[in-house]
């Protein structure tokens, strides 16, 4: 399962907030909701967040093995 907890830590340590992401950087509120609920994001969105927050992918997301993962 992809987990976005690193995003929230990165955001907390930055000068940005969910308000500035939405209003200054035009990140949709639906994207913020997906981050809150660990729902899938596109790589384009992850790229945008990395650019805005000046961080690496692992500062946005991490993989945590889960029994709910799709069978391969």
Protein backbone atom coordinates (compact mmCIF):
# COMPACT_ATOMS: atom_id res chain seq x y z
CA UNK A 1 0.00 0.00 0.00
CA UNK A 2 1.26 3.46 -0.83
CA UNK A 3 1.22 5.68 2.25
CA UNK A 4 1.42 9.48 2.15
CA UNK A 5 2.43 10.05 5.75
CA UNK A 6 5.84 11.37 4.60
CA UNK A 7 3.98 14.09 2.65
CA UNK A 8 2.31 15.38 5.82
CA UNK A 9 5.66 15.48 7.64
CA UNK A 10 7.28 17.28 4.71
CA UNK A 11 4.41 19.75 4.50
CA UNK A 12 4.59 20.42 8.24
CA UNK A 13 8.32 21.22 7.95
CA UNK A 14 7.85 23.50 4.94
CA UNK A 15 6.55 27.03 4.56
CA UNK A 16 3.52 25.69 2.67
CA UNK A 17 0.14 24.56 3.96
CA UNK A 18 -2.85 22.85 2.41
CA UNK A 19 -4.27 26.35 1.96
CA UNK A 20 -1.28 27.56 -0.07
CA UNK A 21 -1.15 24.32 -2.04
CA UNK A 22 -4.76 24.86 -3.11
CA UNK A 23 -4.80 28.64 -3.53
CA UNK A 24 -1.26 29.53 -4.63
CA UNK A 25 -0.17 26.36 -6.40
CA UNK A 26 -3.59 25.24 -7.71
CA UNK A 27 -3.45 21.74 -6.23
CA UNK A 28 -7.03 20.53 -6.17
CA UNK A 29 -8.84 19.89 -2.92
CA UNK A 30 -9.58 16.42 -4.34
CA UNK A 31 -5.82 15.76 -4.43
CA UNK A 32 -5.49 16.85 -0.79
CA UNK A 33 -8.35 14.47 0.04
CA UNK A 34 -6.58 11.61 -1.80
CA UNK A 35 -3.43 12.31 0.21
CA UNK A 36 -5.42 12.20 3.44
CA UNK A 37 -7.04 8.88 2.49
CA UNK A 38 -3.94 7.25 0.91
CA UNK A 39 -5.72 7.00 -2.44
CA UNK A 40 -3.79 6.67 -5.73
CA UNK A 41 -2.16 9.77 -7.25
CA UNK A 42 -0.66 10.16 -10.70
CA UNK A 43 3.07 10.47 -11.10
CA UNK A 44 2.44 13.93 -12.55
CA UNK A 45 0.80 15.00 -9.29
CA UNK A 46 3.64 13.52 -7.24
CA UNK A 47 6.10 15.36 -9.50
CA UNK A 48 4.22 18.63 -8.94
CA UNK A 49 4.26 18.15 -5.17
CA UNK A 50 8.00 17.44 -5.24
CA UNK A 51 8.59 20.62 -7.25
CA UNK A 52 6.40 22.74 -4.95
CA UNK A 53 7.95 21.36 -1.76
CA UNK A 54 11.45 21.04 -3.25
CA UNK A 55 11.75 17.46 -2.06
CA UNK A 56 12.28 13.88 -3.20
CA UNK A 57 9.63 11.27 -3.94
CA UNK A 58 10.35 9.49 -0.66
CA UNK A 59 9.46 12.75 1.11
CA UNK A 60 5.95 12.36 -0.38
CA UNK A 61 5.18 8.64 -0.25
CA UNK A 62 6.38 5.27 0.98
CA UNK A 63 5.37 1.68 0.37
CA UNK A 64 4.07 -0.38 3.26
CA UNK A 65 3.29 -4.07 2.56
CA UNK A 66 -0.33 -4.87 3.30
CA UNK A 67 -2.61 -7.90 3.27
CA UNK A 68 -5.02 -5.71 1.24
CA UNK A 69 -2.53 -5.39 -1.65
CA UNK A 70 -3.74 -6.76 -4.96
CA UNK A 71 -2.56 -10.30 -5.68
CA UNK A 72 0.06 -10.53 -8.41
